Amino acid sequence: MKVAFLLLGTTYEVAFAFPADCPNVTVIHDVVGDNWYDGCLGLDKKATVTTAAACEEQCKTDMNCSIWQMTKTNCWSGNVVHGCRSRGTDKALGNFEEDLVAGQRLQHGFIKVVSTNSKVETIGLKHYPEKTGTEAEQIARCKNDCYTDVTCTVWQYGSDGCWVEHYTSPAKSTSTESEWAKAMITGETIEHTCPPYVKPDDGLPWGWIIAGIILGLLALAAIIYALQKKPKVKKTRAVKIEPKEDPKPVVYFVPQPTMLIPQQSVVMQQPMMMQAAPQYTVLR
C-alpha cells in the first residue's frame, strides 16, 4: 500500500504494509490518566475540531496520528514531532500545563520485535537529541517514538541520542564498522501488525464454537473406533443341539421341630382265668 504525505509543501510517497484502518489502539500516555503534560512540537492545528472528544476520535481513526492534544481553544495532532516539550518556551512547562486540558500518545496496532540490534548503525534515520531524563528514560522515549509511528521499523540509541525511522527518513543501509556502531547502546528492528478485530458488543460465536467442538470429538471417536482391530470369528460346523429336558423340581426337606408330650403310664391288670383240669379217658 502506498501512502502520500504532504510535509512543508513536499509530497512524500512511501509504501508500507500497515492497513489504512486499524481499530486496535493502545494509549501510551494520557494527560488525565498519568499527568502527561509534555507539549509536543510540530503538531498540526485542527481548526474545525473544537472538543477533546472530537480531537481524540480524529487521531484514533488516523493511522498516521500518534499524538493529539487539546488546549482550551485548539486541537493539535499529528505524527511529525521534533520534541515533546513545552511550546515556545524555555521553561519546563510554561503556561502549556495550564492551557492543556486533554491529550494522549497513541499506538496503532501491535508491535512484533524482529531483532534486538547491537553494534550496528542504520543509516538514514531521523535524529532526536535527548537532553533530559536518565539514560533509561531517554531509551524508553526513543522506543515509544518508533512504536507509535506506523512508518518506523527501526530505532537505535547511542551517545548522541535517539535515531528513528520515519517516512521522511527511511532506513537506507547498515554499518558495523562506523564509530557510532562501535559505541551503540541499544536498538530494535520491529514490525507493526494489526490482527483481525472483533467488536466487544459482537462477542464470540460460542454456539458455533461449541457445536464445532462436539462434532470434532464425535468424528475423532468414530475414527478411533474404525481403526481398532476387531477379533476374528472362528467358523465351526453347525451342530444340532437337542433341547434339554426341564430338570425335576428339587424338593427341599425342611426339618420340623419335634415336640415330646409326656404320657402317663397305665398298667392293665388282666383277670385271672381258672383253667379246668384235664380229663383223661381210660381205654380198656
C-alpha atoms as a PDB file:
ATOM      1  CA  MET A   1       0.000   0.000   0.000  1.00  0.00           C
ATOM      2  CA  LYS A   2       1.345   3.415  -0.962  1.00  0.00           C
ATOM      3  CA  VAL A   3       0.562   6.434   1.184  1.00  0.00           C
ATOM      4  CA  ALA A   4       1.180  10.055   0.250  1.00  0.00           C
ATOM      5  CA  PHE A   5       2.286  12.582   2.879  1.00  0.00           C
ATOM      6  CA  LEU A   6       2.480  16.341   2.496  1.00  0.00           C
ATOM      7  CA  LEU A   7       5.157  17.991   4.617  1.00  0.00           C
ATOM      8  CA  LEU A   8       6.238  21.599   4.201  1.00  0.00           C
ATOM      9  CA  GLY A   9       4.992  21.701   0.643  1.00  0.00           C
ATOM     10  CA  THR A  10       6.688  18.436  -0.340  1.00  0.00           C
ATOM     11  CA  THR A  11       4.738  15.266  -1.081  1.00  0.00           C
ATOM     12  CA  TYR A  12       6.283  12.002   0.112  1.00  0.00           C
ATOM     13  CA  GLU A  13       5.007   8.725  -1.244  1.00  0.00           C
ATOM     14  CA  VAL A  14       6.028   5.672   0.718  1.00  0.00           C
ATOM     15  CA  ALA A  15       4.923   2.054   0.725  1.00  0.00           C
ATOM     16  CA  PHE A  16       4.322   0.038   3.855  1.00  0.00           C
ATOM     17  CA  ALA A  17       2.110  -2.894   4.734  1.00  0.00           C
ATOM     18  CA  PHE A  18       0.200  -1.429   7.668  1.00  0.00           C
ATOM     19  CA  PRO A  19      -3.566  -1.229   6.946  1.00  0.00           C
ATOM     20  CA  ALA A  20      -5.272   2.124   6.446  1.00  0.00           C
ATOM     21  CA  ASP A  21      -7.804   1.317   9.154  1.00  0.00           C
ATOM     22  CA  CYS A  22      -6.724  -0.483  12.329  1.00  0.00           C
ATOM     23  CA  PRO A  23      -9.165  -0.296  15.258  1.00  0.00           C
ATOM     24  CA  ASN A  24      -6.611  -1.700  17.749  1.00  0.00           C
ATOM     25  CA  VAL A  25      -5.371   1.398  19.595  1.00  0.00           C
ATOM     26  CA  THR A  26      -3.239   1.482  22.755  1.00  0.00           C
ATOM     27  CA  VAL A  27      -2.883   4.616  24.883  1.00  0.00           C
ATOM     28  CA  ILE A  28       0.798   5.087  25.816  1.00  0.00           C
ATOM     29  CA  HIS A  29       0.474   8.383  27.711  1.00  0.00           C
ATOM     30  CA  ASP A  30      -2.571  10.313  28.917  1.00  0.00           C
ATOM     31  CA  VAL A  31      -2.901  13.836  30.289  1.00  0.00           C
ATOM     32  CA  VAL A  32      -5.821  12.837  32.501  1.00  0.00           C
ATOM     33  CA  GLY A  33      -4.621   9.344  33.476  1.00  0.00           C
ATOM     34  CA  ASP A  34      -0.920   9.919  34.229  1.00  0.00           C
ATOM     35  CA  ASN A  35      -0.455  13.705  34.136  1.00  0.00           C
ATOM     36  CA  TRP A  36       1.290  13.713  30.760  1.00  0.00           C
ATOM     37  CA  TYR A  37       1.706  17.468  30.333  1.00  0.00           C
ATOM     38  CA  ASP A  38       4.601  17.287  27.870  1.00  0.00           C
ATOM     39  CA  GLY A  39       3.561  19.550  24.996  1.00  0.00           C
ATOM     40  CA  CYS A  40       4.798  18.199  21.677  1.00  0.00           C
ATOM     41  CA  LEU A  41       6.210  20.445  18.950  1.00  0.00           C
ATOM     42  CA  GLY A  42       5.418  20.016  15.278  1.00  0.00           C
ATOM     43  CA  LEU A  43       1.737  19.032  15.531  1.00  0.00           C
ATOM     44  CA  ASP A  44      -0.918  20.282  13.122  1.00  0.00           C
ATOM     45  CA  LYS A  45      -3.726  22.569  14.217  1.00  0.00           C
ATOM     46  CA  LYS A  46      -7.206  21.163  13.534  1.00  0.00           C
ATOM     47  CA  ALA A  47      -9.247  24.308  13.102  1.00  0.00           C
ATOM     48  CA  THR A  48     -12.596  22.530  12.692  1.00  0.00           C
ATOM     49  CA  VAL A  49     -12.234  20.413  15.836  1.00  0.00           C
ATOM     50  CA  THR A  50     -13.482  22.165  18.956  1.00  0.00           C
ATOM     51  CA  THR A  51     -13.866  19.432  21.617  1.00  0.00           C
ATOM     52  CA  ALA A  52     -11.478  16.993  23.293  1.00  0.00           C
ATOM     53  CA  ALA A  53     -13.664  14.016  22.310  1.00  0.00           C
ATOM     54  CA  ALA A  54     -13.584  15.012  18.637  1.00  0.00           C
ATOM     55  CA  CYS A  55      -9.846  15.676  18.810  1.00  0.00           C
ATOM     56  CA  GLU A  56      -9.266  12.186  20.242  1.00  0.00           C
ATOM     57  CA  GLU A  57     -11.562  10.483  17.714  1.00  0.00           C
ATOM     58  CA  GLN A  58      -9.938  12.027  14.642  1.00  0.00           C
ATOM     59  CA  CYS A  59      -6.495  10.918  15.858  1.00  0.00           C
ATOM     60  CA  LYS A  60      -7.536   7.365  16.736  1.00  0.00           C
ATOM     61  CA  THR A  61      -9.044   6.838  13.273  1.00  0.00           C
ATOM     62  CA  ASP A  62      -5.952   8.242  11.500  1.00  0.00           C
ATOM     63  CA  MET A  63      -3.162   5.667  11.246  1.00  0.00           C
ATOM     64  CA  ASN A  64      -0.622   8.476  10.794  1.00  0.00           C
ATOM     65  CA  CYS A  65      -1.606  10.265  14.001  1.00  0.00           C
ATOM     66  CA  SER A  66       0.269   9.291  17.142  1.00  0.00           C
ATOM     67  CA  ILE A  67      -0.330  12.358  19.347  1.00  0.00           C
ATOM     68  CA  TRP A  68      -3.337  14.601  19.972  1.00  0.00           C
ATOM     69  CA  GLN A  69      -3.526  17.473  22.427  1.00  0.00           C
ATOM     70  CA  MET A  70      -6.470  19.708  23.269  1.00  0.00           C
ATOM     71  CA  THR A  71      -5.921  23.118  24.774  1.00  0.00           C
ATOM     72  CA  LYS A  72      -8.667  25.434  25.989  1.00  0.00           C
ATOM     73  CA  THR A  73      -9.112  26.740  22.432  1.00  0.00           C
ATOM     74  CA  ASN A  74      -7.475  24.408  19.863  1.00  0.00           C
ATOM     75  CA  CYS A  75      -6.907  20.781  18.851  1.00  0.00           C
ATOM     76  CA  TRP A  76      -3.398  19.770  17.811  1.00  0.00           C
ATOM     77  CA  SER A  77      -2.499  16.357  16.398  1.00  0.00           C
ATOM     78  CA  GLY A  78      -0.140  14.549  14.068  1.00  0.00           C
ATOM     79  CA  ASN A  79       2.913  12.348  13.817  1.00  0.00           C
ATOM     80  CA  VAL A  80       5.657  14.738  12.752  1.00  0.00           C
ATOM     81  CA  VAL A  81       7.145  15.997  16.000  1.00  0.00           C
ATOM     82  CA  HIS A  82      10.595  17.239  16.860  1.00  0.00           C
ATOM     83  CA  GLY A  83      10.332  17.115  20.604  1.00  0.00           C
ATOM     84  CA  CYS A  84       7.624  16.709  23.216  1.00  0.00           C
ATOM     85  CA  ARG A  85       8.416  19.678  25.409  1.00  0.00           C
ATOM     86  CA  SER A  86       6.752  22.994  26.245  1.00  0.00           C
ATOM     87  CA  ARG A  87       5.506  25.061  23.297  1.00  0.00           C
ATOM     88  CA  GLY A  88       7.699  28.038  22.524  1.00  0.00           C
ATOM     89  CA  THR A  89       9.173  28.496  25.985  1.00  0.00           C
ATOM     90  CA  ASP A  90      12.404  27.621  27.733  1.00  0.00           C
ATOM     91  CA  LYS A  91      10.640  26.806  30.973  1.00  0.00           C
ATOM     92  CA  ALA A  92       9.863  23.217  31.880  1.00  0.00           C
ATOM     93  CA  LEU A  93       6.192  23.567  31.018  1.00  0.00           C
ATOM     94  CA  GLY A  94       5.493  27.289  30.999  1.00  0.00           C
ATOM     95  CA  ASN A  95       1.821  28.088  30.582  1.00  0.00           C
ATOM     96  CA  PHE A  96       1.196  24.971  28.499  1.00  0.00           C
ATOM     97  CA  GLU A  97       0.216  22.871  31.503  1.00  0.00           C
ATOM     98  CA  GLU A  98      -2.464  25.427  32.358  1.00  0.00           C
ATOM     99  CA  ASP A  99      -3.773  25.512  28.791  1.00  0.00           C
ATOM    100  CA  LEU A 100      -3.687  21.766  28.122  1.00  0.00           C
ATOM    101  CA  VAL A 101      -6.962  20.052  29.103  1.00  0.00           C
ATOM    102  CA  ALA A 102      -6.582  16.648  27.395  1.00  0.00           C
ATOM    103  CA  GLY A 103      -4.160  14.684  25.243  1.00  0.00           C
ATOM    104  CA  GLN A 104      -2.688  11.262  24.502  1.00  0.00           C
ATOM    105  CA  ARG A 105       0.143   9.455  22.767  1.00  0.00           C
ATOM    106  CA  LEU A 106      -1.299   6.513  20.818  1.00  0.00           C
ATOM    107  CA  GLN A 107      -0.019   3.272  19.337  1.00  0.00           C
ATOM    108  CA  HIS A 108      -1.945   1.836  16.409  1.00  0.00           C
ATOM    109  CA  GLY A 109      -1.921  -1.960  16.201  1.00  0.00           C
ATOM    110  CA  PHE A 110       0.688  -4.164  17.868  1.00  0.00           C
ATOM    111  CA  ILE A 111       4.470  -4.443  17.812  1.00  0.00           C
ATOM    112  CA  LYS A 112       6.447  -7.513  16.758  1.00  0.00           C
ATOM    113  CA  VAL A 113      10.141  -7.281  17.604  1.00  0.00           C
ATOM    114  CA  VAL A 114      12.058  -8.756  14.671  1.00  0.00           C
ATOM    115  CA  SER A 115      15.502  -8.379  16.251  1.00  0.00           C
ATOM    116  CA  THR A 116      17.373  -6.621  19.040  1.00  0.00           C
ATOM    117  CA  ASN A 117      20.257  -4.754  17.441  1.00  0.00           C
ATOM    118  CA  SER A 118      23.735  -4.212  18.837  1.00  0.00           C
ATOM    119  CA  LYS A 119      26.874  -2.657  17.342  1.00  0.00           C
ATOM    120  CA  VAL A 120      25.172  -1.914  14.035  1.00  0.00           C
ATOM    121  CA  GLU A 121      24.292   1.551  12.727  1.00  0.00           C
ATOM    122  CA  THR A 122      21.292   2.031  10.480  1.00  0.00           C
ATOM    123  CA  ILE A 123      21.957   4.882   8.054  1.00  0.00           C
ATOM    124  CA  GLY A 124      19.271   7.410   7.085  1.00  0.00           C
ATOM    125  CA  LEU A 125      17.247   7.646  10.301  1.00  0.00           C
ATOM    126  CA  LYS A 126      15.815  10.804  11.866  1.00  0.00           C
ATOM    127  CA  HIS A 127      17.798  12.197  14.799  1.00  0.00           C
ATOM    128  CA  TYR A 128      16.079  13.072  18.088  1.00  0.00           C
ATOM    129  CA  PRO A 129      18.595  14.615  20.518  1.00  0.00           C
ATOM    130  CA  GLU A 130      17.958  13.641  24.142  1.00  0.00           C
ATOM    131  CA  LYS A 131      18.797  16.245  26.779  1.00  0.00           C
ATOM    132  CA  THR A 132      16.525  15.479  29.716  1.00  0.00           C
ATOM    133  CA  GLY A 133      15.954  12.484  31.971  1.00  0.00           C
ATOM    134  CA  THR A 134      18.063   9.459  32.772  1.00  0.00           C
ATOM    135  CA  GLU A 135      19.503   7.195  30.115  1.00  0.00           C
ATOM    136  CA  ALA A 136      16.758   4.619  30.791  1.00  0.00           C
ATOM    137  CA  GLU A 137      14.076   7.300  30.342  1.00  0.00           C
ATOM    138  CA  GLN A 138      15.678   8.502  27.119  1.00  0.00           C
ATOM    139  CA  ILE A 139      15.792   4.951  25.717  1.00  0.00           C
ATOM    140  CA  ALA A 140      12.133   4.438  26.650  1.00  0.00           C
ATOM    141  CA  ARG A 141      11.150   7.658  24.833  1.00  0.00           C
ATOM    142  CA  CYS A 142      13.164   6.624  21.770  1.00  0.00           C
ATOM    143  CA  LYS A 143      11.426   3.254  21.655  1.00  0.00           C
ATOM    144  CA  ASN A 144       7.981   4.861  22.060  1.00  0.00           C
ATOM    145  CA  ASP A 145       8.714   7.272  19.207  1.00  0.00           C
ATOM    146  CA  CYS A 146       9.165   4.286  16.893  1.00  0.00           C
ATOM    147  CA  TYR A 147       6.394   2.128  18.349  1.00  0.00           C
ATOM    148  CA  THR A 148       3.824   4.901  17.872  1.00  0.00           C
ATOM    149  CA  ASP A 149       4.832   5.649  14.269  1.00  0.00           C
ATOM    150  CA  VAL A 150       3.477   3.060  11.819  1.00  0.00           C
ATOM    151  CA  THR A 151       6.155   4.060   9.271  1.00  0.00           C
ATOM    152  CA  CYS A 152       9.014   3.258  11.692  1.00  0.00           C
ATOM    153  CA  THR A 153      10.636  -0.169  11.519  1.00  0.00           C
ATOM    154  CA  VAL A 154      13.944   0.519  13.279  1.00  0.00           C
ATOM    155  CA  TRP A 155      15.169   2.648  16.178  1.00  0.00           C
ATOM    156  CA  GLN A 156      18.602   2.995  17.741  1.00  0.00           C
ATOM    157  CA  TYR A 157      20.122   4.808  20.710  1.00  0.00           C
ATOM    158  CA  GLY A 158      23.707   5.901  21.134  1.00  0.00           C
ATOM    159  CA  SER A 159      25.918   8.510  22.718  1.00  0.00           C
ATOM    160  CA  ASP A 160      24.316  11.337  20.712  1.00  0.00           C
ATOM    161  CA  GLY A 161      20.736  10.400  21.472  1.00  0.00           C
ATOM    162  CA  CYS A 162      17.903   8.710  19.606  1.00  0.00           C
ATOM    163  CA  TRP A 163      17.530   7.825  15.929  1.00  0.00           C
ATOM    164  CA  VAL A 164      14.255   6.510  14.482  1.00  0.00           C
ATOM    165  CA  GLU A 165      12.934   5.701  11.055  1.00  0.00           C
ATOM    166  CA  HIS A 166      10.203   7.927   9.641  1.00  0.00           C
ATOM    167  CA  TYR A 167       8.562   8.129   6.234  1.00  0.00           C
ATOM    168  CA  THR A 168      10.619  11.269   5.611  1.00  0.00           C
ATOM    169  CA  SER A 169      13.781   9.488   6.821  1.00  0.00           C
ATOM    170  CA  PRO A 170      13.661   5.850   5.678  1.00  0.00           C
ATOM    171  CA  ALA A 171      16.402   3.373   6.544  1.00  0.00           C
ATOM    172  CA  LYS A 172      18.931   3.107   3.705  1.00  0.00           C
ATOM    173  CA  SER A 173      21.762   0.840   4.790  1.00  0.00           C
ATOM    174  CA  THR A 174      23.617  -0.533   7.815  1.00  0.00           C
ATOM    175  CA  SER A 175      27.189  -0.430   9.015  1.00  0.00           C
ATOM    176  CA  THR A 176      29.094  -2.326  11.691  1.00  0.00           C
ATOM    177  CA  GLU A 177      32.432  -0.568  11.151  1.00  0.00           C
ATOM    178  CA  SER A 178      31.459   3.031  11.961  1.00  0.00           C
ATOM    179  CA  GLU A 179      32.448   4.691  15.210  1.00  0.00           C
ATOM    180  CA  TRP A 180      28.774   5.151  16.075  1.00  0.00           C
ATOM    181  CA  ALA A 181      28.129   1.419  15.639  1.00  0.00           C
ATOM    182  CA  LYS A 182      31.012   0.570  17.958  1.00  0.00           C
ATOM    183  CA  ALA A 183      29.601   2.856  20.663  1.00  0.00           C
ATOM    184  CA  MET A 184      25.938   1.929  20.090  1.00  0.00           C
ATOM    185  CA  ILE A 185      23.947   1.206  23.263  1.00  0.00           C
ATOM    186  CA  THR A 186      20.736  -0.471  22.069  1.00  0.00           C
ATOM    187  CA  GLY A 187      18.118  -0.623  19.325  1.00  0.00           C
ATOM    188  CA  GLU A 188      15.496  -2.785  17.624  1.00  0.00           C
ATOM    189  CA  THR A 189      14.076  -3.742  14.279  1.00  0.00           C
ATOM    190  CA  ILE A 190      10.300  -4.024  14.575  1.00  0.00           C
ATOM    191  CA  GLU A 191       7.164  -4.743  12.590  1.00  0.00           C
ATOM    192  CA  HIS A 192       3.762  -3.105  13.054  1.00  0.00           C
ATOM    193  CA  THR A 193       0.863  -5.581  12.904  1.00  0.00           C
ATOM    194  CA  CYS A 194      -2.901  -5.283  13.030  1.00  0.00           C
ATOM    195  CA  PRO A 195      -4.709  -8.626  13.517  1.00  0.00           C
ATOM    196  CA  PRO A 196      -8.436  -9.064  12.782  1.00  0.00           C
ATOM    197  CA  TYR A 197     -10.562  -7.155  15.224  1.00  0.00           C
ATOM    198  CA  VAL A 198     -13.736  -8.378  16.956  1.00  0.00           C
ATOM    199  CA  LYS A 199     -16.021  -5.704  18.345  1.00  0.00           C
ATOM    200  CA  PRO A 200     -16.734  -6.185  22.069  1.00  0.00           C
ATOM    201  CA  ASP A 201     -20.514  -5.989  21.549  1.00  0.00           C
ATOM    202  CA  ASP A 202     -20.439  -8.754  18.944  1.00  0.00           C
ATOM    203  CA  GLY A 203     -18.668 -11.253  21.157  1.00  0.00           C
ATOM    204  CA  LEU A 204     -17.557 -14.683  20.067  1.00  0.00           C
ATOM    205  CA  PRO A 205     -19.975 -17.092  18.328  1.00  0.00           C
ATOM    206  CA  TRP A 206     -19.916 -19.548  21.205  1.00  0.00           C
ATOM    207  CA  GLY A 207     -22.830 -21.568  19.804  1.00  0.00           C
ATOM    208  CA  TRP A 208     -20.939 -22.382  16.615  1.00  0.00           C
ATOM    209  CA  ILE A 209     -17.699 -22.921  18.519  1.00  0.00           C
ATOM    210  CA  ILE A 210     -19.272 -25.453  20.928  1.00  0.00           C
ATOM    211  CA  ALA A 211     -21.099 -27.236  18.088  1.00  0.00           C
ATOM    212  CA  GLY A 212     -17.859 -27.482  16.130  1.00  0.00           C
ATOM    213  CA  ILE A 213     -16.012 -28.918  19.140  1.00  0.00           C
ATOM    214  CA  ILE A 214     -18.722 -31.561  19.686  1.00  0.00           C
ATOM    215  CA  LEU A 215     -18.750 -32.577  16.013  1.00  0.00           C
ATOM    216  CA  GLY A 216     -14.972 -32.756  16.031  1.00  0.00           C
ATOM    217  CA  LEU A 217     -14.946 -35.036  19.086  1.00  0.00           C
ATOM    218  CA  LEU A 218     -17.587 -37.313  17.539  1.00  0.00           C
ATOM    219  CA  ALA A 219     -15.593 -37.549  14.312  1.00  0.00           C
ATOM    220  CA  LEU A 220     -12.433 -38.338  16.275  1.00  0.00           C
ATOM    221  CA  ALA A 221     -14.223 -41.056  18.250  1.00  0.00           C
ATOM    222  CA  ALA A 222     -15.530 -42.592  15.009  1.00  0.00           C
ATOM    223  CA  ILE A 223     -12.028 -42.644  13.503  1.00  0.00           C
ATOM    224  CA  ILE A 224     -10.533 -44.264  16.609  1.00  0.00           C
ATOM    225  CA  TYR A 225     -13.293 -46.902  16.644  1.00  0.00           C
ATOM    226  CA  ALA A 226     -12.763 -47.676  12.950  1.00  0.00           C
ATOM    227  CA  LEU A 227      -9.017 -48.117  13.464  1.00  0.00           C
ATOM    228  CA  GLN A 228      -9.400 -50.594  16.283  1.00  0.00           C
ATOM    229  CA  LYS A 229      -8.691 -54.300  15.367  1.00  0.00           C
ATOM    230  CA  LYS A 230     -11.751 -56.462  15.603  1.00  0.00           C
ATOM    231  CA  PRO A 231     -11.314 -60.135  16.806  1.00  0.00           C
ATOM    232  CA  LYS A 232     -11.741 -62.798  14.109  1.00  0.00           C
ATOM    233  CA  VAL A 233     -14.745 -65.098  14.484  1.00  0.00           C
ATOM    234  CA  LYS A 234     -13.810 -68.827  14.257  1.00  0.00           C
ATOM    235  CA  LYS A 235     -16.146 -70.709  11.947  1.00  0.00           C
ATOM    236  CA  THR A 236     -17.375 -74.185  13.128  1.00  0.00           C
ATOM    237  CA  ARG A 237     -19.761 -76.794  11.764  1.00  0.00           C
ATOM    238  CA  ALA A 238     -23.333 -76.456  12.671  1.00  0.00           C
ATOM    239  CA  VAL A 239     -24.321 -78.840  15.445  1.00  0.00           C
ATOM    240  CA  LYS A 240     -27.886 -79.551  16.210  1.00  0.00           C
ATOM    241  CA  ILE A 241     -28.420 -79.157  19.892  1.00  0.00           C
ATOM    242  CA  GLU A 242     -31.279 -81.102  21.408  1.00  0.00           C
ATOM    243  CA  PRO A 243     -33.309 -79.145  23.819  1.00  0.00           C
ATOM    244  CA  LYS A 244     -32.607 -80.125  27.345  1.00  0.00           C
ATOM    245  CA  GLU A 245     -35.372 -81.572  29.448  1.00  0.00           C
ATOM    246  CA  ASP A 246     -36.580 -79.497  32.210  1.00  0.00           C
ATOM    247  CA  PRO A 247     -34.924 -80.740  35.362  1.00  0.00           C
ATOM    248  CA  LYS A 248     -37.154 -82.278  38.008  1.00  0.00           C
ATOM    249  CA  PRO A 249     -38.120 -79.940  40.654  1.00  0.00           C
ATOM    250  CA  VAL A 250     -35.959 -80.188  43.668  1.00  0.00           C
ATOM    251  CA  VAL A 251     -37.802 -80.840  46.883  1.00  0.00           C
ATOM    252  CA  TYR A 252     -36.072 -79.357  49.771  1.00  0.00           C
ATOM    253  CA  PHE A 253     -36.507 -81.116  53.174  1.00  0.00           C
ATOM    254  CA  VAL A 254     -37.322 -78.701  55.861  1.00  0.00           C
ATOM    255  CA  PRO A 255     -36.906 -80.357  59.270  1.00  0.00           C
ATOM    256  CA  GLN A 256     -39.869 -79.879  61.573  1.00  0.00           C
ATOM    257  CA  PRO A 257     -39.334 -79.372  65.267  1.00  0.00           C
ATOM    258  CA  THR A 258     -40.122 -82.475  67.393  1.00  0.00           C
ATOM    259  CA  MET A 259     -42.243 -81.927  70.455  1.00  0.00           C
ATOM    260  CA  LEU A 260     -42.278 -84.520  73.249  1.00  0.00           C
ATOM    261  CA  ILE A 261     -45.537 -84.822  75.130  1.00  0.00           C
ATOM    262  CA  PRO A 262     -45.234 -86.715  78.455  1.00  0.00           C
ATOM    263  CA  GLN A 263     -47.629 -89.709  78.740  1.00  0.00           C
ATOM    264  CA  GLN A 264     -48.943 -91.268  81.939  1.00  0.00           C
ATOM    265  CA  SER A 265     -48.140 -94.994  82.377  1.00  0.00           C
ATOM    266  CA  VAL A 266     -51.275 -97.241  82.751  1.00  0.00           C
ATOM    267  CA  VAL A 267     -50.931-100.876  83.919  1.00  0.00           C
ATOM    268  CA  MET A 268     -53.796-103.016  82.865  1.00  0.00           C
ATOM    269  CA  GLN A 269     -54.444-105.982  85.181  1.00  0.00           C
ATOM    270  CA  GLN A 270     -55.922-108.909  83.366  1.00  0.00           C
ATOM    271  CA  PRO A 271     -58.441-111.078  85.304  1.00  0.00           C
ATOM    272  CA  MET A 272     -57.229-114.436  86.351  1.00  0.00           C
ATOM    273  CA  MET A 273     -58.714-117.240  84.359  1.00  0.00           C
ATOM    274  CA  MET A 274     -59.498-120.592  86.075  1.00  0.00           C
ATOM    275  CA  GLN A 275     -58.266-123.397  83.924  1.00  0.00           C
ATOM    276  CA  ALA A 276     -60.150-126.702  84.130  1.00  0.00           C
ATOM    277  CA  ALA A 277     -58.287-129.809  84.978  1.00  0.00           C
ATOM    278  CA  PRO A 278     -57.653-132.082  82.047  1.00  0.00           C
ATOM    279  CA  GLN A 279     -59.911-135.075  81.588  1.00  0.00           C
ATOM    280  CA  TYR A 280     -58.351-138.417  80.937  1.00  0.00           C
ATOM    281  CA  THR A 281     -60.162-141.382  79.262  1.00  0.00           C
ATOM    282  CA  VAL A 282     -59.112-144.906  80.297  1.00  0.00           C
ATOM    283  CA  LEU A 283     -59.183-147.414  77.447  1.00  0.00           C
ATOM    284  CA  ARG A 284     -59.840-150.821  78.145  1.00  0.00           C
END
